[in-house]
Amino acid sequence: MKKSLVLLFLCLFSLSFHAQTKKFKVVLDAGHGGKDYGATYHGNIEKKISLNTVLKVGEILSKEANIEVVYTRKTDVFVELNERASIANKSKGHLFVSMHCNANDNQAASGNETYVMGVTRNAANLEVAKKENAVVTLESDYKIKYDGFDPKSPESVMGISIMQEENIQQSIDIAGKVQQAFTKFTTSKNRGVKQAGFLVLRKIIMPRVLIEMGFVSNKPEGAFLNSEDGQNKLAEAISKAILEYRDDFFKTETATSVKKEETKKPIEKKEDSKKTDLKTTSENKSALEGVTFKIQISASAKNLETLPKNFKGLSTISVEKENTIYKYFYGNTTSYAKAKQLLEEAKAKGYTSSFIVPIKNGKKIKLSEAIK
């Protein structure tokens, strides 16, 4: 009787554990807070706008059955930058999204932009990073905590190490989705996807972005950011981008891993001739007409020659420029089975966060659409 109860408990625990691991976990970070007001212009206060928008995004996402939302703050409190990273990493989230408002002495400046972690020499990007990083001066012993970091020094901003560079591809992808969604839901200027050295992103070990939702220093745009209607539109746009990212990376990865396990067992037990037949059937079934597959292996601000020596010996490298970022791809095939093989080859070379990119009629599509 006791053994039966133990077995039942273990079974239920296992089912519960697997159910939990299927949830997509997003960490929402409201910039600033408490004694740190962020940018303030015309009665528009960054810490309040970022918190209100984060809570609205969280409310939308929480309605989805397979999403778990983690917050770095839900009230007007001061949270140190290292603590924000600690909350995110302990949660083992799949995505980190930090929300902020921009400001500029030139009050005509307007528009939204999304940043990924990176080192830049662009003066405008450095200025944005310097302003957001200045919050560290409110923390005690910040020079010790952040390795002598000086928020006023461009060298300090440029010198922030990219500790998790392997997540840059996914970070750029979600950043692009955010900007596309902003264009759809707002009339604000799209300033694009950019790179800069933000301290809040430095220690995050997952794909992560910092969103500048608009300029509080611009009177009309600041009023939009501070309004209920404006925050609703921003929240709707950011939520849509997060859900699209989940559908592209989380659902398809889970489905692919399940399919891989299912195909593995029968193949091992069959004769060689049957293996070939099964492989051919699988390839024919997954290769939809007009679809090609490439493997995105990296993304960088550097424009590298597509030579094997620059890509750990991999050949057949192609490159695409998106805003200021260069995306590098390995291989080109119409077979999904071959694409999976290329993916494994890329990962074996050290590109551990590589992923399959399906293309149809010159446009990237969702993997779930390409393998139906």
Protein backbone atom coordinates (compact mmCIF):
# COMPACT_ATOMS: atom_id res chain seq x y z
CA MET A 1 0.00 0.00 0.00
CA LYS A 2 2.81 2.39 0.96
CA LYS A 3 4.72 1.55 -2.22
CA SER A 4 1.62 2.27 -4.30
CA LEU A 5 1.16 5.65 -2.62
CA VAL A 6 4.82 6.52 -3.18
CA LEU A 7 4.58 5.54 -6.85
CA LEU A 8 1.39 7.57 -7.25
CA PHE A 9 3.04 10.59 -5.64
CA LEU A 10 6.11 10.32 -7.88
CA CYS A 11 3.92 9.96 -10.94
CA LEU A 12 1.85 13.03 -10.05
CA PHE A 13 5.01 15.01 -9.21
CA SER A 14 6.54 14.08 -12.56
CA LEU A 15 3.42 15.13 -14.45
CA SER A 16 3.25 18.39 -12.50
CA PHE A 17 6.94 19.10 -13.14
CA HIS A 18 6.65 18.53 -16.88
CA ALA A 19 3.52 20.68 -17.02
CA GLN A 20 5.40 23.50 -15.31
CA THR A 21 8.41 23.24 -17.64
CA LYS A 22 6.14 23.69 -20.64
CA LYS A 23 5.29 27.22 -19.51
CA PHE A 24 6.99 30.11 -21.25
CA LYS A 25 8.42 32.36 -18.54
CA VAL A 26 8.91 36.06 -19.21
CA VAL A 27 10.56 38.48 -16.78
CA LEU A 28 9.15 42.01 -16.94
CA ASP A 29 11.35 44.80 -15.61
CA ALA A 30 9.90 48.25 -14.90
CA GLY A 31 12.82 50.68 -15.11
CA HIS A 32 13.81 52.88 -12.16
CA GLY A 33 11.48 53.16 -9.11
CA GLY A 34 11.44 54.50 -5.55
CA LYS A 35 14.09 57.19 -5.07
CA ASP A 36 15.12 56.79 -8.70
CA TYR A 37 12.60 58.78 -10.76
CA GLY A 38 14.29 58.25 -14.12
CA ALA A 39 13.67 60.95 -16.71
CA THR A 40 11.16 63.66 -15.72
CA TYR A 41 9.80 66.30 -18.11
CA HIS A 42 6.53 68.23 -18.32
CA GLY A 43 5.11 66.30 -15.35
CA ASN A 44 5.85 62.96 -17.05
CA ILE A 45 7.79 60.65 -14.72
CA GLU A 46 9.59 57.67 -16.24
CA LYS A 47 9.37 55.37 -13.21
CA LYS A 48 5.56 55.66 -13.13
CA ILE A 49 5.08 55.20 -16.87
CA SER A 50 7.36 52.15 -17.00
CA LEU A 51 5.63 50.51 -14.01
CA ASN A 52 2.11 51.16 -15.31
CA THR A 53 3.01 49.73 -18.73
CA VAL A 54 4.75 46.68 -17.25
CA LEU A 55 1.69 45.86 -15.15
CA LYS A 56 -0.55 46.18 -18.22
CA VAL A 57 1.73 43.89 -20.25
CA GLY A 58 1.75 41.39 -17.38
CA GLU A 59 -2.04 41.45 -17.20
CA ILE A 60 -2.36 40.68 -20.92
CA LEU A 61 0.22 37.88 -20.84
CA SER A 62 -1.25 36.30 -17.70
CA LYS A 63 -4.42 35.52 -19.65
CA GLU A 64 -2.40 33.06 -21.75
CA ALA A 65 -2.54 29.51 -20.35
CA ASN A 66 1.10 28.59 -20.90
CA ILE A 67 2.79 31.82 -19.77
CA GLU A 68 4.25 32.66 -16.38
CA VAL A 69 5.07 36.30 -15.64
CA VAL A 70 7.83 37.32 -13.24
CA TYR A 71 8.26 40.96 -12.15
CA THR A 72 11.39 42.68 -10.87
CA ARG A 73 9.05 45.17 -9.20
CA LYS A 74 5.27 45.59 -9.01
CA THR A 75 5.24 48.71 -6.82
CA ASP A 76 7.11 52.00 -6.58
CA VAL A 77 10.27 50.66 -4.96
CA PHE A 78 13.97 51.03 -5.71
CA VAL A 79 15.56 47.82 -6.99
CA GLU A 80 19.30 47.70 -7.61
CA LEU A 81 20.45 46.64 -11.07
CA ASN A 82 22.24 43.52 -9.81
CA GLU A 83 19.10 42.50 -7.92
CA ARG A 84 17.03 42.80 -11.11
CA ALA A 85 19.45 40.41 -12.82
CA SER A 86 19.35 38.08 -9.82
CA ILE A 87 15.52 37.94 -9.88
CA ALA A 88 15.58 37.17 -13.60
CA ASN A 89 18.25 34.48 -13.44
CA LYS A 90 16.78 32.73 -10.38
CA SER A 91 13.43 32.53 -12.15
CA LYS A 92 15.08 30.63 -15.04
CA GLY A 93 13.05 32.75 -17.43
CA HIS A 94 13.03 32.43 -21.20
CA LEU A 95 12.98 36.17 -21.90
CA PHE A 96 13.81 39.42 -20.05
CA VAL A 97 12.10 42.67 -21.11
CA SER A 98 13.08 45.98 -19.46
CA MET A 99 10.83 48.98 -20.14
CA HIS A 100 11.96 52.60 -20.02
CA CYS A 101 11.29 56.07 -21.40
CA ASN A 102 13.81 58.15 -23.30
CA ALA A 103 14.71 61.84 -22.86
CA ASN A 104 16.83 64.36 -24.69
CA ASP A 105 17.83 67.99 -24.24
CA ASN A 106 16.55 68.44 -27.78
CA GLN A 107 12.86 68.24 -26.94
CA ALA A 108 11.93 67.70 -30.58
CA ALA A 109 13.45 64.21 -30.44
CA SER A 110 10.75 61.53 -30.61
CA GLY A 111 10.10 57.87 -31.30
CA ASN A 112 10.70 54.42 -29.85
CA GLU A 113 13.68 52.10 -30.05
CA THR A 114 14.67 48.73 -28.63
CA TYR A 115 18.18 47.88 -27.46
CA VAL A 116 20.05 44.61 -27.26
CA MET A 117 23.24 44.12 -25.27
CA GLY A 118 26.35 45.13 -27.17
CA VAL A 119 29.33 47.39 -27.45
CA THR A 120 28.87 50.49 -29.58
CA ARG A 121 30.81 53.59 -30.54
CA ASN A 122 27.68 55.35 -31.77
CA ALA A 123 27.47 58.63 -29.82
CA ALA A 124 23.66 58.69 -29.59
CA ASN A 125 23.47 55.07 -28.36
CA LEU A 126 26.23 55.73 -25.82
CA GLU A 127 24.30 58.73 -24.49
CA VAL A 128 21.12 56.67 -23.97
CA ALA A 129 23.09 53.96 -22.15
CA LYS A 130 24.90 56.51 -19.98
CA LYS A 131 21.60 58.04 -18.84
CA GLU A 132 20.02 54.68 -17.98
CA ASN A 133 23.20 53.45 -16.26
CA ALA A 134 23.44 56.59 -14.10
CA VAL A 135 21.02 54.93 -11.64
CA VAL A 136 23.98 53.02 -10.15
CA THR A 137 25.12 56.18 -8.37
CA LEU A 138 22.10 55.75 -6.07
CA GLU A 139 23.51 52.40 -4.91
CA SER A 140 26.06 52.17 -2.12
CA ASP A 141 29.56 51.01 -3.15
CA TYR A 142 28.51 50.94 -6.81
CA LYS A 143 32.12 51.21 -8.04
CA ILE A 144 32.96 48.00 -6.17
CA LYS A 145 29.78 46.19 -7.24
CA TYR A 146 30.20 47.13 -10.89
CA ASP A 147 33.99 46.79 -11.26
CA GLY A 148 34.88 50.49 -11.07
CA PHE A 149 32.12 51.47 -13.47
CA ASP A 150 31.78 55.20 -14.15
CA PRO A 151 28.38 56.03 -15.70
CA LYS A 152 29.76 59.30 -17.15
CA SER A 153 32.58 57.58 -19.02
CA PRO A 154 32.01 56.34 -22.60
CA GLU A 155 34.91 53.92 -22.05
CA SER A 156 33.03 52.32 -19.14
CA VAL A 157 29.89 51.93 -21.25
CA MET A 158 31.85 50.43 -24.16
CA GLY A 159 33.82 48.21 -21.81
CA ILE A 160 30.82 46.36 -20.38
CA SER A 161 31.50 42.71 -21.18
CA ILE A 162 29.00 40.75 -23.24
CA MET A 163 28.77 37.81 -20.86
CA GLN A 164 26.03 35.95 -22.71
CA GLU A 165 26.72 36.81 -26.36
CA GLU A 166 25.16 33.54 -27.47
CA ASN A 167 21.70 35.00 -26.79
CA ILE A 168 22.19 37.97 -29.10
CA GLN A 169 20.32 36.39 -32.05
CA GLN A 170 17.13 35.80 -30.09
CA SER A 171 17.46 39.22 -28.45
CA ILE A 172 17.62 40.89 -31.85
CA ASP A 173 14.62 38.87 -33.00
CA ILE A 174 12.37 39.95 -30.11
CA ALA A 175 13.66 43.53 -30.46
CA GLY A 176 12.62 43.53 -34.13
CA LYS A 177 9.18 42.19 -33.22
CA VAL A 178 8.73 44.95 -30.62
CA GLN A 179 9.56 47.64 -33.18
CA GLN A 180 7.20 46.12 -35.76
CA ALA A 181 4.40 46.00 -33.18
CA PHE A 182 5.00 49.64 -32.17
CA THR A 183 4.57 50.63 -35.82
CA LYS A 184 1.26 48.78 -35.92
CA PHE A 185 -0.21 50.00 -32.62
CA THR A 186 1.18 53.54 -32.39
CA THR A 187 1.93 56.46 -34.71
CA SER A 188 5.29 57.11 -33.07
CA LYS A 189 8.50 57.18 -35.08
CA ASN A 190 10.27 53.79 -35.33
CA ARG A 191 13.91 54.43 -34.42
CA GLY A 192 14.84 50.77 -34.91
CA VAL A 193 16.86 48.09 -33.12
CA LYS A 194 20.16 49.21 -31.61
CA GLN A 195 23.04 47.96 -29.47
CA ALA A 196 24.46 49.55 -26.32
CA GLY A 197 26.05 48.58 -23.03
CA PHE A 198 23.31 48.62 -20.39
CA LEU A 199 24.25 47.49 -16.90
CA VAL A 200 20.77 46.07 -16.26
CA LEU A 201 21.29 43.64 -19.16
CA ARG A 202 24.88 42.73 -18.37
CA LYS A 203 24.32 39.71 -16.11
CA ILE A 204 21.08 38.38 -17.59
CA ILE A 205 21.56 34.82 -18.84
CA MET A 206 18.65 34.71 -21.29
CA PRO A 207 17.57 36.65 -24.37
CA ARG A 208 16.99 40.22 -23.18
CA VAL A 209 16.04 43.64 -24.47
CA LEU A 210 15.63 47.15 -23.14
CA ILE A 211 12.75 49.12 -24.66
CA GLU A 212 12.74 52.91 -24.84
CA MET A 213 9.00 53.45 -25.38
CA GLY A 214 9.27 57.12 -26.32
CA PHE A 215 10.57 60.52 -25.21
CA VAL A 216 9.08 62.06 -22.07
CA SER A 217 11.01 65.21 -23.02
CA ASN A 218 8.88 65.61 -26.16
CA LYS A 219 5.70 67.30 -24.94
CA PRO A 220 3.11 65.55 -27.20
CA GLU A 221 4.84 62.17 -27.00
CA GLY A 222 5.31 62.51 -23.24
CA ALA A 223 1.59 63.16 -22.85
CA PHE A 224 0.89 60.00 -24.89
CA LEU A 225 3.25 57.94 -22.71
CA ASN A 226 1.63 59.29 -19.56
CA SER A 227 -1.94 58.61 -20.73
CA GLU A 228 -4.06 55.53 -20.08
CA ASP A 229 -4.70 55.16 -23.81
CA GLY A 230 -1.02 55.46 -24.65
CA GLN A 231 0.03 52.89 -22.06
CA ASN A 232 -2.68 50.50 -23.26
CA LYS A 233 -1.40 50.74 -26.84
CA LEU A 234 2.21 50.29 -25.78
CA ALA A 235 1.29 47.29 -23.61
CA GLU A 236 -0.68 45.73 -26.45
CA ALA A 237 2.25 46.15 -28.84
CA ILE A 238 4.85 44.74 -26.42
CA SER A 239 2.58 41.81 -25.48
CA LYS A 240 2.00 40.97 -29.15
CA ALA A 241 5.76 40.94 -29.77
CA ILE A 242 6.38 38.67 -26.77
CA LEU A 243 3.66 36.24 -27.85
CA GLU A 244 5.04 36.10 -31.39
CA TYR A 245 8.51 35.44 -29.99
CA ARG A 246 7.09 32.65 -27.81
CA ASP A 247 5.36 31.08 -30.81
CA ASP A 248 8.54 31.21 -32.91
CA PHE A 249 11.06 29.99 -30.35
CA PHE A 250 9.33 28.27 -27.46
CA LYS A 251 6.50 26.26 -29.03
CA THR A 252 8.52 25.12 -32.03
CA GLU A 253 11.52 24.12 -29.89
CA THR A 254 9.26 22.00 -27.69
CA ALA A 255 7.56 20.43 -30.72
CA THR A 256 10.88 19.77 -32.45
CA SER A 257 12.38 18.09 -29.38
CA VAL A 258 9.31 15.84 -29.03
CA LYS A 259 9.41 14.89 -32.71
CA LYS A 260 13.12 14.11 -32.42
CA GLU A 261 12.53 11.70 -29.54
CA GLU A 262 9.64 10.01 -31.35
CA THR A 263 11.66 9.47 -34.53
CA LYS A 264 14.78 8.31 -32.73
CA LYS A 265 13.41 5.11 -31.15
CA PRO A 266 11.82 3.48 -34.21
CA ILE A 267 14.85 4.25 -36.38
CA GLU A 268 17.22 2.46 -34.01
CA LYS A 269 15.12 -0.70 -34.11
CA LYS A 270 14.67 -0.92 -37.90
CA GLU A 271 16.89 -2.37 -40.61
CA ASP A 272 19.09 -0.08 -42.71
CA SER A 273 16.78 -0.16 -45.75
CA LYS A 274 13.80 0.86 -43.60
CA LYS A 275 15.85 3.64 -42.06
CA THR A 276 16.44 5.10 -45.51
CA ASP A 277 12.74 4.84 -46.40
CA LEU A 278 11.69 6.55 -43.17
CA LYS A 279 14.24 9.32 -43.63
CA THR A 280 13.09 9.98 -47.20
CA THR A 281 9.43 10.08 -46.13
CA SER A 282 10.26 12.51 -43.31
CA GLU A 283 12.14 14.81 -45.67
CA ASN A 284 9.39 14.81 -48.30
CA LYS A 285 6.72 15.45 -45.70
CA SER A 286 8.46 18.47 -44.11
CA ALA A 287 9.84 20.20 -47.21
CA LEU A 288 6.98 22.47 -48.27
CA GLU A 289 7.11 23.92 -51.75
CA GLY A 290 8.97 27.23 -51.97
CA VAL A 291 10.43 27.00 -48.45
CA THR A 292 14.15 27.06 -47.77
CA PHE A 293 15.93 26.76 -44.44
CA LYS A 294 19.02 28.52 -43.13
CA ILE A 295 20.70 28.30 -39.72
CA GLN A 296 21.25 31.62 -37.97
CA ILE A 297 24.48 31.16 -36.05
CA SER A 298 25.32 34.64 -34.85
CA ALA A 299 24.59 38.35 -35.00
CA SER A 300 27.02 41.18 -34.48
CA ALA A 301 27.71 44.85 -35.10
CA LYS A 302 30.83 43.70 -36.99
CA ASN A 303 30.77 43.06 -40.74
CA LEU A 304 32.86 39.90 -41.13
CA GLU A 305 34.05 38.30 -44.34
CA THR A 306 32.10 35.07 -44.89
CA LEU A 307 35.22 32.92 -44.78
CA PRO A 308 35.41 29.58 -42.87
CA LYS A 309 38.23 30.94 -40.68
CA ASN A 310 35.84 33.58 -39.29
CA PHE A 311 33.14 31.00 -38.46
CA LYS A 312 35.00 28.15 -36.76
CA GLY A 313 35.52 26.29 -40.02
CA LEU A 314 31.91 26.44 -41.26
CA SER A 315 31.47 27.19 -44.96
CA THR A 316 28.41 28.25 -46.99
CA ILE A 317 27.97 31.34 -44.80
CA SER A 318 25.65 34.17 -45.84
CA VAL A 319 25.04 37.52 -44.18
CA GLU A 320 22.11 39.94 -43.91
CA LYS A 321 22.19 43.46 -42.50
CA GLU A 322 19.24 44.51 -40.30
CA ASN A 323 19.50 48.09 -39.09
CA THR A 324 22.99 48.24 -37.56
CA ILE A 325 23.24 44.48 -36.96
CA TYR A 326 24.76 41.84 -39.22
CA LYS A 327 23.12 38.41 -39.05
CA TYR A 328 25.14 35.38 -40.14
CA PHE A 329 23.61 32.17 -41.53
CA TYR A 330 25.00 28.72 -42.19
CA GLY A 331 23.78 26.52 -45.05
CA ASN A 332 20.78 26.69 -47.34
CA THR A 333 18.44 23.74 -47.92
CA THR A 334 14.88 22.88 -48.90
CA SER A 335 14.85 19.86 -46.56
CA TYR A 336 13.82 20.29 -42.94
CA ALA A 337 15.64 17.07 -42.03
CA LYS A 338 18.83 18.47 -43.58
CA ALA A 339 18.26 21.77 -41.77
CA LYS A 340 18.17 19.92 -38.45
CA GLN A 341 21.43 18.23 -39.39
CA LEU A 342 23.00 21.61 -40.22
CA LEU A 343 21.75 22.93 -36.88
CA GLU A 344 23.52 20.13 -35.03
CA GLU A 345 26.71 20.82 -36.99
CA ALA A 346 26.58 24.52 -36.03
CA LYS A 347 26.00 23.68 -32.36
CA ALA A 348 28.88 21.18 -32.42
CA LYS A 349 31.14 24.01 -33.59
CA GLY A 350 30.17 26.07 -30.55
CA TYR A 351 27.22 28.08 -31.87
CA THR A 352 25.00 26.69 -29.13
CA SER A 353 22.11 29.10 -29.57
CA SER A 354 21.80 28.65 -33.34
CA PHE A 355 18.31 28.17 -34.70
CA ILE A 356 16.53 27.29 -37.94
CA VAL A 357 15.18 30.15 -40.04
CA PRO A 358 12.55 29.21 -42.66
CA ILE A 359 12.24 31.48 -45.69
CA LYS A 360 9.49 31.66 -48.31
CA ASN A 361 9.38 34.11 -51.22
CA GLY A 362 12.30 35.98 -49.73
CA LYS A 363 10.58 36.50 -46.36
CA LYS A 364 11.19 34.79 -43.03
CA ILE A 365 8.22 32.78 -41.78
CA LYS A 366 7.44 30.86 -38.61
CA LEU A 367 8.94 27.39 -38.33
CA SER A 368 5.51 26.04 -37.39
CA GLU A 369 4.18 27.27 -40.75
CA ALA A 370 7.08 25.82 -42.71
CA ILE A 371 6.82 22.22 -41.48
CA LYS A 372 3.06 21.65 -41.55
